[in-house]
Amino acid sequence: MPFTTNSTYGTVKYSTGTLYDNSAILANDGSSLSSATLATQSALSIPIGGYERVMGVYTIWYDTDNTNELSYRVRVQDSDAAAIASTIATQSVASVAEITSGATPSAASLECTGTYNTDGAGITVGVDNGAAVAALYLQVTFNILSTATTKGNIVFQAANITGSAAGTHLLAGSNVVWKKW
């Protein structure tokens, strides 16, 4: 059975041998994101201990009415929702779902960005796909290193950009896969 060791902290972890050992999935469509205030999506939270490193991928399916769109961030926080000192690096790609097999992605329907943060609060990213589509796609690859002894959670937070209506929803099947060491 493969294992990883950390001689600095004296930990040994046996793993399954696959890249991502753990996962969580949003079982049902989420309620309307009717606010511009980021809200934690608890079904997609990942526990993290002091000085742990976590790498993984959020795969988010959502819909929007093309007025509100989506904003999100990846954050490390304690039970009181205070940021835990952590280094967070993300790479995100958002794309309008292709409706026919002949459709070809264009620069207008693809957005990509990277973020880097060292206080654990994360950086808010707005995604404007320029279309009212029933199934939009966002993938966020992340690498997080907790730089504190505090235990908490890695959370995916989402909102709509304008906060003026209820036109954005996270959809069932959105998920996160991760590996910790």
C-alpha atoms as a PDB file:
ATOM      1  CA  MET A   1       0.000   0.000   0.000  1.00  0.00           C
ATOM      2  CA  PRO A   2       1.537   3.392  -0.961  1.00  0.00           C
ATOM      3  CA  PHE A   3       2.227   5.864   1.797  1.00  0.00           C
ATOM      4  CA  THR A   4       3.505   9.386   2.321  1.00  0.00           C
ATOM      5  CA  THR A   5       5.630  10.601   5.192  1.00  0.00           C
ATOM      6  CA  ASN A   6       6.448  14.013   6.593  1.00  0.00           C
ATOM      7  CA  SER A   7       9.642  13.776   8.637  1.00  0.00           C
ATOM      8  CA  THR A   8       9.301  17.368   9.910  1.00  0.00           C
ATOM      9  CA  TYR A   9       6.020  16.615  11.690  1.00  0.00           C
ATOM     10  CA  GLY A  10       6.464  12.856  12.085  1.00  0.00           C
ATOM     11  CA  THR A  11       3.313  11.837  10.229  1.00  0.00           C
ATOM     12  CA  VAL A  12       2.714   8.792   8.050  1.00  0.00           C
ATOM     13  CA  LYS A  13      -0.380   8.406   5.887  1.00  0.00           C
ATOM     14  CA  TYR A  14      -1.319   5.287   3.964  1.00  0.00           C
ATOM     15  CA  SER A  15      -3.303   5.946   0.819  1.00  0.00           C
ATOM     16  CA  THR A  16      -5.293   4.013  -1.748  1.00  0.00           C
ATOM     17  CA  GLY A  17      -2.771   4.628  -4.484  1.00  0.00           C
ATOM     18  CA  THR A  18      -5.093   6.825  -6.523  1.00  0.00           C
ATOM     19  CA  LEU A  19      -4.421  10.508  -7.089  1.00  0.00           C
ATOM     20  CA  TYR A  20      -7.475  11.786  -5.218  1.00  0.00           C
ATOM     21  CA  ASP A  21      -8.436   9.844  -2.082  1.00  0.00           C
ATOM     22  CA  ASN A  22     -11.563  11.762  -1.066  1.00  0.00           C
ATOM     23  CA  SER A  23     -14.588  13.411  -2.616  1.00  0.00           C
ATOM     24  CA  ALA A  24     -17.815  15.240  -1.836  1.00  0.00           C
ATOM     25  CA  ILE A  25     -20.771  15.934  -4.106  1.00  0.00           C
ATOM     26  CA  LEU A  26     -23.709  18.336  -4.149  1.00  0.00           C
ATOM     27  CA  ALA A  27     -26.621  15.877  -4.200  1.00  0.00           C
ATOM     28  CA  ASN A  28     -29.356  18.377  -5.133  1.00  0.00           C
ATOM     29  CA  ASP A  29     -29.593  21.700  -6.924  1.00  0.00           C
ATOM     30  CA  GLY A  30     -28.700  24.482  -4.521  1.00  0.00           C
ATOM     31  CA  SER A  31     -30.996  27.289  -3.478  1.00  0.00           C
ATOM     32  CA  SER A  32     -30.870  30.583  -5.369  1.00  0.00           C
ATOM     33  CA  LEU A  33     -27.749  32.652  -4.896  1.00  0.00           C
ATOM     34  CA  SER A  34     -29.764  35.845  -4.502  1.00  0.00           C
ATOM     35  CA  SER A  35     -27.064  37.883  -2.802  1.00  0.00           C
ATOM     36  CA  ALA A  36     -23.712  39.333  -3.793  1.00  0.00           C
ATOM     37  CA  THR A  37     -22.412  38.158  -0.405  1.00  0.00           C
ATOM     38  CA  LEU A  38     -20.398  34.955  -0.713  1.00  0.00           C
ATOM     39  CA  ALA A  39     -22.033  31.982   1.031  1.00  0.00           C
ATOM     40  CA  THR A  40     -20.285  28.771   2.072  1.00  0.00           C
ATOM     41  CA  GLN A  41     -21.455  25.683   0.199  1.00  0.00           C
ATOM     42  CA  SER A  42     -21.194  23.274   3.135  1.00  0.00           C
ATOM     43  CA  ALA A  43     -21.662  20.109   1.028  1.00  0.00           C
ATOM     44  CA  LEU A  44     -18.354  20.950  -0.702  1.00  0.00           C
ATOM     45  CA  SER A  45     -16.278  21.617   2.449  1.00  0.00           C
ATOM     46  CA  ILE A  46     -13.010  19.800   3.175  1.00  0.00           C
ATOM     47  CA  PRO A  47     -11.626  19.397   6.725  1.00  0.00           C
ATOM     48  CA  ILE A  48      -8.026  20.557   7.135  1.00  0.00           C
ATOM     49  CA  GLY A  49      -5.675  20.184  10.082  1.00  0.00           C
ATOM     50  CA  GLY A  50      -2.762  22.293  11.184  1.00  0.00           C
ATOM     51  CA  TYR A  51       0.119  22.368   8.717  1.00  0.00           C
ATOM     52  CA  GLU A  52      -1.678  20.053   6.266  1.00  0.00           C
ATOM     53  CA  ARG A  53      -1.404  20.363   2.488  1.00  0.00           C
ATOM     54  CA  VAL A  54      -4.435  19.697   0.309  1.00  0.00           C
ATOM     55  CA  MET A  55      -4.630  19.561  -3.476  1.00  0.00           C
ATOM     56  CA  GLY A  56      -7.761  18.983  -5.483  1.00  0.00           C
ATOM     57  CA  VAL A  57     -10.341  20.083  -8.005  1.00  0.00           C
ATOM     58  CA  TYR A  58     -13.763  21.690  -7.609  1.00  0.00           C
ATOM     59  CA  THR A  59     -16.047  20.893 -10.558  1.00  0.00           C
ATOM     60  CA  ILE A  60     -19.028  23.236 -10.427  1.00  0.00           C
ATOM     61  CA  TRP A  61     -22.140  23.083 -12.616  1.00  0.00           C
ATOM     62  CA  TYR A  62     -24.418  26.110 -12.359  1.00  0.00           C
ATOM     63  CA  ASP A  63     -27.034  28.100 -14.201  1.00  0.00           C
ATOM     64  CA  THR A  64     -27.587  31.837 -14.493  1.00  0.00           C
ATOM     65  CA  ASP A  65     -29.898  34.365 -16.101  1.00  0.00           C
ATOM     66  CA  ASN A  66     -27.018  36.391 -17.652  1.00  0.00           C
ATOM     67  CA  THR A  67     -27.736  39.334 -15.369  1.00  0.00           C
ATOM     68  CA  ASN A  68     -26.255  38.030 -12.147  1.00  0.00           C
ATOM     69  CA  GLU A  69     -23.590  35.501 -13.231  1.00  0.00           C
ATOM     70  CA  LEU A  70     -21.362  33.843 -10.570  1.00  0.00           C
ATOM     71  CA  SER A  71     -18.654  34.905  -8.162  1.00  0.00           C
ATOM     72  CA  TYR A  72     -16.710  32.457  -5.997  1.00  0.00           C
ATOM     73  CA  ARG A  73     -13.652  31.927  -3.853  1.00  0.00           C
ATOM     74  CA  VAL A  74     -11.788  29.108  -2.146  1.00  0.00           C
ATOM     75  CA  ARG A  75     -11.125  29.946   1.519  1.00  0.00           C
ATOM     76  CA  VAL A  76      -9.639  28.282   4.630  1.00  0.00           C
ATOM     77  CA  GLN A  77     -11.567  29.109   7.787  1.00  0.00           C
ATOM     78  CA  ASP A  78     -12.122  28.019  11.377  1.00  0.00           C
ATOM     79  CA  SER A  79     -15.450  27.175  13.033  1.00  0.00           C
ATOM     80  CA  ASP A  80     -16.133  30.904  13.572  1.00  0.00           C
ATOM     81  CA  ALA A  81     -15.620  31.621   9.825  1.00  0.00           C
ATOM     82  CA  ALA A  82     -12.354  33.486  10.489  1.00  0.00           C
ATOM     83  CA  ALA A  83      -9.617  32.954   7.908  1.00  0.00           C
ATOM     84  CA  ILE A  84      -6.824  30.566   8.911  1.00  0.00           C
ATOM     85  CA  ALA A  85      -3.304  31.469   7.776  1.00  0.00           C
ATOM     86  CA  SER A  86      -2.795  29.376   4.645  1.00  0.00           C
ATOM     87  CA  THR A  87      -1.267  29.661   1.211  1.00  0.00           C
ATOM     88  CA  ILE A  88      -3.928  29.174  -1.475  1.00  0.00           C
ATOM     89  CA  ALA A  89      -3.125  28.823  -5.164  1.00  0.00           C
ATOM     90  CA  THR A  90      -5.951  28.263  -7.666  1.00  0.00           C
ATOM     91  CA  GLN A  91      -6.290  27.886 -11.409  1.00  0.00           C
ATOM     92  CA  SER A  92      -9.815  28.242 -12.788  1.00  0.00           C
ATOM     93  CA  VAL A  93     -11.452  27.630 -16.142  1.00  0.00           C
ATOM     94  CA  ALA A  94     -15.081  28.532 -16.886  1.00  0.00           C
ATOM     95  CA  SER A  95     -16.881  27.563 -20.051  1.00  0.00           C
ATOM     96  CA  VAL A  96     -20.361  27.682 -21.532  1.00  0.00           C
ATOM     97  CA  ALA A  97     -21.571  24.105 -21.925  1.00  0.00           C
ATOM     98  CA  GLU A  98     -21.550  23.016 -25.552  1.00  0.00           C
ATOM     99  CA  ILE A  99     -25.088  22.305 -26.742  1.00  0.00           C
ATOM    100  CA  THR A 100     -24.325  20.490 -30.016  1.00  0.00           C
ATOM    101  CA  SER A 101     -21.476  18.256 -31.066  1.00  0.00           C
ATOM    102  CA  GLY A 102     -20.584  20.682 -33.857  1.00  0.00           C
ATOM    103  CA  ALA A 103     -20.086  23.618 -31.507  1.00  0.00           C
ATOM    104  CA  THR A 104     -16.524  24.881 -31.190  1.00  0.00           C
ATOM    105  CA  PRO A 105     -15.357  26.764 -28.096  1.00  0.00           C
ATOM    106  CA  SER A 106     -14.257  30.317 -28.754  1.00  0.00           C
ATOM    107  CA  ALA A 107     -12.442  32.935 -26.727  1.00  0.00           C
ATOM    108  CA  ALA A 108     -15.816  34.544 -26.010  1.00  0.00           C
ATOM    109  CA  SER A 109     -17.063  31.429 -24.212  1.00  0.00           C
ATOM    110  CA  LEU A 110     -13.953  30.562 -22.208  1.00  0.00           C
ATOM    111  CA  GLU A 111     -12.463  32.315 -19.183  1.00  0.00           C
ATOM    112  CA  CYS A 112      -9.327  31.334 -17.288  1.00  0.00           C
ATOM    113  CA  THR A 113      -7.657  32.865 -14.251  1.00  0.00           C
ATOM    114  CA  GLY A 114      -5.231  32.046 -11.459  1.00  0.00           C
ATOM    115  CA  THR A 115      -5.087  33.375  -7.903  1.00  0.00           C
ATOM    116  CA  TYR A 116      -2.546  33.303  -5.093  1.00  0.00           C
ATOM    117  CA  ASN A 117      -3.188  34.264  -1.485  1.00  0.00           C
ATOM    118  CA  THR A 118      -1.253  33.754   1.763  1.00  0.00           C
ATOM    119  CA  ASP A 119      -3.713  34.754   4.513  1.00  0.00           C
ATOM    120  CA  GLY A 120      -6.281  31.991   3.903  1.00  0.00           C
ATOM    121  CA  ALA A 121      -9.058  34.447   3.045  1.00  0.00           C
ATOM    122  CA  GLY A 122      -8.962  33.585  -0.648  1.00  0.00           C
ATOM    123  CA  ILE A 123      -9.556  35.857  -3.621  1.00  0.00           C
ATOM    124  CA  THR A 124     -13.028  36.448  -5.060  1.00  0.00           C
ATOM    125  CA  VAL A 125     -13.335  35.764  -8.787  1.00  0.00           C
ATOM    126  CA  GLY A 126     -16.283  36.832 -10.953  1.00  0.00           C
ATOM    127  CA  VAL A 127     -17.272  34.710 -13.940  1.00  0.00           C
ATOM    128  CA  ASP A 128     -19.318  36.370 -16.692  1.00  0.00           C
ATOM    129  CA  ASN A 129     -20.086  33.855 -19.414  1.00  0.00           C
ATOM    130  CA  GLY A 130     -22.235  36.288 -21.381  1.00  0.00           C
ATOM    131  CA  ALA A 131     -25.066  33.822 -21.852  1.00  0.00           C
ATOM    132  CA  ALA A 132     -28.232  32.616 -20.153  1.00  0.00           C
ATOM    133  CA  VAL A 133     -27.610  28.878 -20.242  1.00  0.00           C
ATOM    134  CA  ALA A 134     -29.073  26.054 -18.168  1.00  0.00           C
ATOM    135  CA  ALA A 135     -25.731  24.337 -17.522  1.00  0.00           C
ATOM    136  CA  LEU A 136     -22.530  26.322 -17.152  1.00  0.00           C
ATOM    137  CA  TYR A 137     -19.250  24.763 -16.076  1.00  0.00           C
ATOM    138  CA  LEU A 138     -16.496  25.939 -13.752  1.00  0.00           C
ATOM    139  CA  GLN A 139     -13.425  23.958 -12.743  1.00  0.00           C
ATOM    140  CA  VAL A 140     -11.133  25.211  -9.977  1.00  0.00           C
ATOM    141  CA  THR A 141      -7.861  23.364  -9.373  1.00  0.00           C
ATOM    142  CA  PHE A 142      -6.326  24.250  -6.004  1.00  0.00           C
ATOM    143  CA  ASN A 143      -3.266  23.650  -3.836  1.00  0.00           C
ATOM    144  CA  ILE A 144      -3.468  24.748  -0.196  1.00  0.00           C
ATOM    145  CA  LEU A 145      -0.870  24.690   2.567  1.00  0.00           C
ATOM    146  CA  SER A 146      -2.052  25.485   6.083  1.00  0.00           C
ATOM    147  CA  THR A 147       0.628  27.565   7.806  1.00  0.00           C
ATOM    148  CA  ALA A 148      -1.029  27.501  11.246  1.00  0.00           C
ATOM    149  CA  THR A 149      -1.827  24.924  13.945  1.00  0.00           C
ATOM    150  CA  THR A 150      -5.547  25.769  13.750  1.00  0.00           C
ATOM    151  CA  LYS A 151      -7.908  23.121  12.403  1.00  0.00           C
ATOM    152  CA  GLY A 152     -10.749  24.158  10.116  1.00  0.00           C
ATOM    153  CA  ASN A 153     -12.257  23.693   6.689  1.00  0.00           C
ATOM    154  CA  ILE A 154     -11.488  24.532   3.106  1.00  0.00           C
ATOM    155  CA  VAL A 155     -14.721  25.998   1.792  1.00  0.00           C
ATOM    156  CA  PHE A 156     -16.096  26.878  -1.609  1.00  0.00           C
ATOM    157  CA  GLN A 157     -18.109  30.087  -1.362  1.00  0.00           C
ATOM    158  CA  ALA A 158     -20.432  31.363  -4.090  1.00  0.00           C
ATOM    159  CA  ALA A 159     -22.727  34.303  -4.817  1.00  0.00           C
ATOM    160  CA  ASN A 160     -24.193  36.051  -7.786  1.00  0.00           C
ATOM    161  CA  ILE A 161     -22.240  39.056  -8.984  1.00  0.00           C
ATOM    162  CA  THR A 162     -24.943  41.734  -8.738  1.00  0.00           C
ATOM    163  CA  GLY A 163     -27.000  40.366  -5.855  1.00  0.00           C
ATOM    164  CA  SER A 164     -30.104  41.909  -7.363  1.00  0.00           C
ATOM    165  CA  ALA A 165     -32.129  38.778  -8.133  1.00  0.00           C
ATOM    166  CA  ALA A 166     -32.251  35.005  -7.743  1.00  0.00           C
ATOM    167  CA  GLY A 167     -31.002  33.910 -11.153  1.00  0.00           C
ATOM    168  CA  THR A 168     -27.952  31.799 -10.219  1.00  0.00           C
ATOM    169  CA  HIS A 169     -27.946  28.242  -8.784  1.00  0.00           C
ATOM    170  CA  LEU A 170     -25.305  25.588  -8.140  1.00  0.00           C
ATOM    171  CA  LEU A 171     -26.516  22.338  -9.702  1.00  0.00           C
ATOM    172  CA  ALA A 172     -26.562  18.754  -8.465  1.00  0.00           C
ATOM    173  CA  GLY A 173     -23.440  16.844  -9.437  1.00  0.00           C
ATOM    174  CA  SER A 174     -21.106  19.712  -8.557  1.00  0.00           C
ATOM    175  CA  ASN A 175     -18.262  18.079  -6.649  1.00  0.00           C
ATOM    176  CA  VAL A 176     -14.792  18.268  -5.178  1.00  0.00           C
ATOM    177  CA  VAL A 177     -12.031  15.652  -5.170  1.00  0.00           C
ATOM    178  CA  TRP A 178      -8.896  16.020  -3.051  1.00  0.00           C
ATOM    179  CA  LYS A 179      -5.781  14.504  -1.553  1.00  0.00           C
ATOM    180  CA  LYS A 180      -4.315  15.502   1.813  1.00  0.00           C
ATOM    181  CA  TRP A 181      -0.929  14.994   3.371  1.00  0.00           C
END
